């Protein structure tokens, strides 16, 4: 009986502490404006199609499997498994600013059910997109 009780306590302790070691799940509230700035880049002198191709290539380079891509709606979703499921959703749209066509690219990443609200993953993604666009344009 004591062995069963000890085994149950150890199991319960293990289940309770399993999530405590994961520092990535610390949730801090980020100012929505800062978050949107982290997640968005704007490109001039390019097309929606080119930004979508560069974004798809960047996602694949970063290990994502493309789930859906739709040029008409400007949406892309992808998934990868890195210490849990990571989902990346992209929204690409054309805008006009004083007669200049601008392509807006917004990325939204989630790990499990939590939104990723730190800048590093977004910076890494946009760096790959920027390099791809540079290579396409030159």
C-alpha atoms as a PDB file:
ATOM      1  CA  UNK A   1       0.000   0.000   0.000  1.00  0.00           C
ATOM      2  CA  UNK A   2       2.846   2.388   0.867  1.00  0.00           C
ATOM      3  CA  UNK A   3       4.551   1.622  -2.455  1.00  0.00           C
ATOM      4  CA  UNK A   4       1.377   2.402  -4.396  1.00  0.00           C
ATOM      5  CA  UNK A   5       0.864   5.640  -2.481  1.00  0.00           C
ATOM      6  CA  UNK A   6       4.510   6.626  -3.041  1.00  0.00           C
ATOM      7  CA  UNK A   7       4.227   5.827  -6.756  1.00  0.00           C
ATOM      8  CA  UNK A   8       1.054   7.914  -7.047  1.00  0.00           C
ATOM      9  CA  UNK A   9       2.670  10.851  -5.237  1.00  0.00           C
ATOM     10  CA  UNK A  10       5.724  10.694  -7.504  1.00  0.00           C
ATOM     11  CA  UNK A  11       3.489  10.535 -10.564  1.00  0.00           C
ATOM     12  CA  UNK A  12       1.441  13.493  -9.342  1.00  0.00           C
ATOM     13  CA  UNK A  13       4.616  15.470  -8.570  1.00  0.00           C
ATOM     14  CA  UNK A  14       5.940  14.710 -12.051  1.00  0.00           C
ATOM     15  CA  UNK A  15       2.725  15.856 -13.713  1.00  0.00           C
ATOM     16  CA  UNK A  16       2.593  19.062 -11.687  1.00  0.00           C
ATOM     17  CA  UNK A  17       6.221  20.032 -12.312  1.00  0.00           C
ATOM     18  CA  UNK A  18       6.429  18.998 -15.967  1.00  0.00           C
ATOM     19  CA  UNK A  19       5.297  22.428 -17.191  1.00  0.00           C
ATOM     20  CA  UNK A  20       7.266  24.409 -14.636  1.00  0.00           C
ATOM     21  CA  UNK A  21      10.588  23.940 -16.415  1.00  0.00           C
ATOM     22  CA  UNK A  22       9.406  25.434 -19.696  1.00  0.00           C
ATOM     23  CA  UNK A  23      10.512  29.082 -19.668  1.00  0.00           C
ATOM     24  CA  UNK A  24       8.965  29.655 -23.108  1.00  0.00           C
ATOM     25  CA  UNK A  25       5.467  29.501 -21.655  1.00  0.00           C
ATOM     26  CA  UNK A  26       5.956  32.576 -19.481  1.00  0.00           C
ATOM     27  CA  UNK A  27       3.281  34.933 -20.695  1.00  0.00           C
ATOM     28  CA  UNK A  28       3.831  38.636 -20.538  1.00  0.00           C
ATOM     29  CA  UNK A  29       1.269  41.076 -21.763  1.00  0.00           C
ATOM     30  CA  UNK A  30       2.701  43.010 -24.673  1.00  0.00           C
ATOM     31  CA  UNK A  31       1.316  46.337 -25.775  1.00  0.00           C
ATOM     32  CA  UNK A  32      -0.901  45.558 -28.815  1.00  0.00           C
ATOM     33  CA  UNK A  33       0.739  48.327 -30.864  1.00  0.00           C
ATOM     34  CA  UNK A  34       4.226  46.930 -30.162  1.00  0.00           C
ATOM     35  CA  UNK A  35       3.020  43.437 -30.997  1.00  0.00           C
ATOM     36  CA  UNK A  36       1.559  44.565 -34.310  1.00  0.00           C
ATOM     37  CA  UNK A  37       4.812  46.381 -35.151  1.00  0.00           C
ATOM     38  CA  UNK A  38       6.777  43.197 -34.418  1.00  0.00           C
ATOM     39  CA  UNK A  39       4.467  41.189 -36.637  1.00  0.00           C
ATOM     40  CA  UNK A  40       4.174  43.517 -39.637  1.00  0.00           C
ATOM     41  CA  UNK A  41       6.435  44.628 -42.471  1.00  0.00           C
ATOM     42  CA  UNK A  42       5.569  46.823 -45.453  1.00  0.00           C
ATOM     43  CA  UNK A  43       7.176  46.543 -48.867  1.00  0.00           C
ATOM     44  CA  UNK A  44       7.188  49.042 -51.739  1.00  0.00           C
ATOM     45  CA  UNK A  45       7.915  48.425 -55.399  1.00  0.00           C
ATOM     46  CA  UNK A  46       6.914  44.786 -55.341  1.00  0.00           C
ATOM     47  CA  UNK A  47       3.825  42.691 -55.936  1.00  0.00           C
ATOM     48  CA  UNK A  48       1.545  40.658 -53.718  1.00  0.00           C
ATOM     49  CA  UNK A  49       2.524  37.535 -55.676  1.00  0.00           C
ATOM     50  CA  UNK A  50       6.233  38.119 -55.117  1.00  0.00           C
ATOM     51  CA  UNK A  51       5.775  38.729 -51.379  1.00  0.00           C
ATOM     52  CA  UNK A  52       3.696  35.556 -51.140  1.00  0.00           C
ATOM     53  CA  UNK A  53       6.346  33.493 -52.958  1.00  0.00           C
ATOM     54  CA  UNK A  54       9.090  34.915 -50.734  1.00  0.00           C
ATOM     55  CA  UNK A  55       6.989  34.225 -47.618  1.00  0.00           C
ATOM     56  CA  UNK A  56       6.287  30.633 -48.667  1.00  0.00           C
ATOM     57  CA  UNK A  57       9.988  30.065 -49.329  1.00  0.00           C
ATOM     58  CA  UNK A  58      10.908  31.614 -45.972  1.00  0.00           C
ATOM     59  CA  UNK A  59       8.434  29.399 -44.114  1.00  0.00           C
ATOM     60  CA  UNK A  60       9.807  26.294 -45.801  1.00  0.00           C
ATOM     61  CA  UNK A  61      13.398  27.390 -45.116  1.00  0.00           C
ATOM     62  CA  UNK A  62      12.479  27.712 -41.430  1.00  0.00           C
ATOM     63  CA  UNK A  63      11.048  24.186 -41.339  1.00  0.00           C
ATOM     64  CA  UNK A  64       7.330  24.889 -41.693  1.00  0.00           C
ATOM     65  CA  UNK A  65       5.016  22.645 -43.677  1.00  0.00           C
ATOM     66  CA  UNK A  66       2.573  24.756 -45.669  1.00  0.00           C
ATOM     67  CA  UNK A  67      -1.001  23.881 -44.716  1.00  0.00           C
ATOM     68  CA  UNK A  68      -2.803  26.420 -46.929  1.00  0.00           C
ATOM     69  CA  UNK A  69      -1.889  29.244 -49.272  1.00  0.00           C
ATOM     70  CA  UNK A  70      -4.431  31.419 -51.078  1.00  0.00           C
ATOM     71  CA  UNK A  71      -3.268  34.342 -53.174  1.00  0.00           C
ATOM     72  CA  UNK A  72      -6.792  35.724 -53.651  1.00  0.00           C
ATOM     73  CA  UNK A  73      -7.323  36.203 -49.911  1.00  0.00           C
ATOM     74  CA  UNK A  74      -3.629  36.747 -49.171  1.00  0.00           C
ATOM     75  CA  UNK A  75      -3.495  34.112 -46.441  1.00  0.00           C
ATOM     76  CA  UNK A  76      -0.926  31.426 -45.687  1.00  0.00           C
ATOM     77  CA  UNK A  77      -0.800  28.978 -42.788  1.00  0.00           C
ATOM     78  CA  UNK A  78       1.945  26.561 -41.872  1.00  0.00           C
ATOM     79  CA  UNK A  79       2.913  24.225 -39.062  1.00  0.00           C
ATOM     80  CA  UNK A  80       6.111  22.827 -37.640  1.00  0.00           C
ATOM     81  CA  UNK A  81       6.971  20.706 -34.637  1.00  0.00           C
ATOM     82  CA  UNK A  82       9.655  22.248 -32.451  1.00  0.00           C
ATOM     83  CA  UNK A  83       9.236  21.287 -28.796  1.00  0.00           C
ATOM     84  CA  UNK A  84       5.518  21.303 -29.535  1.00  0.00           C
ATOM     85  CA  UNK A  85       3.338  22.547 -32.357  1.00  0.00           C
ATOM     86  CA  UNK A  86       4.143  25.971 -33.800  1.00  0.00           C
ATOM     87  CA  UNK A  87       1.640  27.535 -36.196  1.00  0.00           C
ATOM     88  CA  UNK A  88       2.416  30.520 -38.386  1.00  0.00           C
ATOM     89  CA  UNK A  89      -0.315  32.471 -40.158  1.00  0.00           C
ATOM     90  CA  UNK A  90       0.435  35.175 -42.706  1.00  0.00           C
ATOM     91  CA  UNK A  91      -1.807  37.917 -44.029  1.00  0.00           C
ATOM     92  CA  UNK A  92      -0.707  39.725 -47.185  1.00  0.00           C
ATOM     93  CA  UNK A  93      -2.601  42.704 -48.543  1.00  0.00           C
ATOM     94  CA  UNK A  94      -2.141  45.553 -50.980  1.00  0.00           C
ATOM     95  CA  UNK A  95      -2.522  49.111 -49.725  1.00  0.00           C
ATOM     96  CA  UNK A  96      -2.239  52.555 -51.280  1.00  0.00           C
ATOM     97  CA  UNK A  97      -0.313  55.337 -49.582  1.00  0.00           C
ATOM     98  CA  UNK A  98      -0.315  58.642 -51.506  1.00  0.00           C
ATOM     99  CA  UNK A  99      -0.600  56.768 -54.789  1.00  0.00           C
ATOM    100  CA  UNK A 100       2.199  54.332 -53.940  1.00  0.00           C
ATOM    101  CA  UNK A 101       1.335  50.644 -53.868  1.00  0.00           C
ATOM    102  CA  UNK A 102       2.477  49.030 -50.619  1.00  0.00           C
ATOM    103  CA  UNK A 103       2.310  45.348 -49.755  1.00  0.00           C
ATOM    104  CA  UNK A 104       1.681  44.699 -46.071  1.00  0.00           C
ATOM    105  CA  UNK A 105       2.800  41.355 -44.618  1.00  0.00           C
ATOM    106  CA  UNK A 106       1.662  40.390 -41.133  1.00  0.00           C
ATOM    107  CA  UNK A 107       2.797  37.218 -39.380  1.00  0.00           C
ATOM    108  CA  UNK A 108       1.100  35.697 -36.362  1.00  0.00           C
ATOM    109  CA  UNK A 109       2.809  32.785 -34.591  1.00  0.00           C
ATOM    110  CA  UNK A 110       1.414  30.492 -31.928  1.00  0.00           C
ATOM    111  CA  UNK A 111       3.037  27.779 -29.872  1.00  0.00           C
ATOM    112  CA  UNK A 112       0.328  25.435 -28.740  1.00  0.00           C
ATOM    113  CA  UNK A 113      -2.508  27.717 -27.653  1.00  0.00           C
ATOM    114  CA  UNK A 114      -0.266  30.654 -26.741  1.00  0.00           C
ATOM    115  CA  UNK A 115       0.544  33.552 -29.028  1.00  0.00           C
ATOM    116  CA  UNK A 116       4.259  34.192 -29.475  1.00  0.00           C
ATOM    117  CA  UNK A 117       4.834  37.740 -28.294  1.00  0.00           C
ATOM    118  CA  UNK A 118       8.621  38.064 -28.389  1.00  0.00           C
ATOM    119  CA  UNK A 119      10.377  39.718 -31.340  1.00  0.00           C
ATOM    120  CA  UNK A 120      13.067  37.129 -32.176  1.00  0.00           C
ATOM    121  CA  UNK A 121      10.948  34.627 -34.166  1.00  0.00           C
ATOM    122  CA  UNK A 122       9.360  37.418 -36.178  1.00  0.00           C
ATOM    123  CA  UNK A 123      12.737  39.049 -36.857  1.00  0.00           C
ATOM    124  CA  UNK A 124      14.140  35.715 -38.046  1.00  0.00           C
ATOM    125  CA  UNK A 125      11.184  35.177 -40.371  1.00  0.00           C
ATOM    126  CA  UNK A 126      11.274  38.689 -41.846  1.00  0.00           C
ATOM    127  CA  UNK A 127      15.061  38.499 -42.341  1.00  0.00           C
ATOM    128  CA  UNK A 128      14.578  35.429 -44.552  1.00  0.00           C
ATOM    129  CA  UNK A 129      11.703  37.111 -46.435  1.00  0.00           C
ATOM    130  CA  UNK A 130      13.800  40.261 -46.977  1.00  0.00           C
ATOM    131  CA  UNK A 131      16.720  38.236 -48.378  1.00  0.00           C
ATOM    132  CA  UNK A 132      14.389  36.344 -50.692  1.00  0.00           C
ATOM    133  CA  UNK A 133      12.800  39.561 -51.964  1.00  0.00           C
ATOM    134  CA  UNK A 134      16.211  41.111 -52.483  1.00  0.00           C
ATOM    135  CA  UNK A 135      17.346  38.122 -54.539  1.00  0.00           C
ATOM    136  CA  UNK A 136      14.114  38.150 -56.591  1.00  0.00           C
ATOM    137  CA  UNK A 137      14.449  41.862 -57.366  1.00  0.00           C
ATOM    138  CA  UNK A 138      18.148  41.824 -58.285  1.00  0.00           C
END
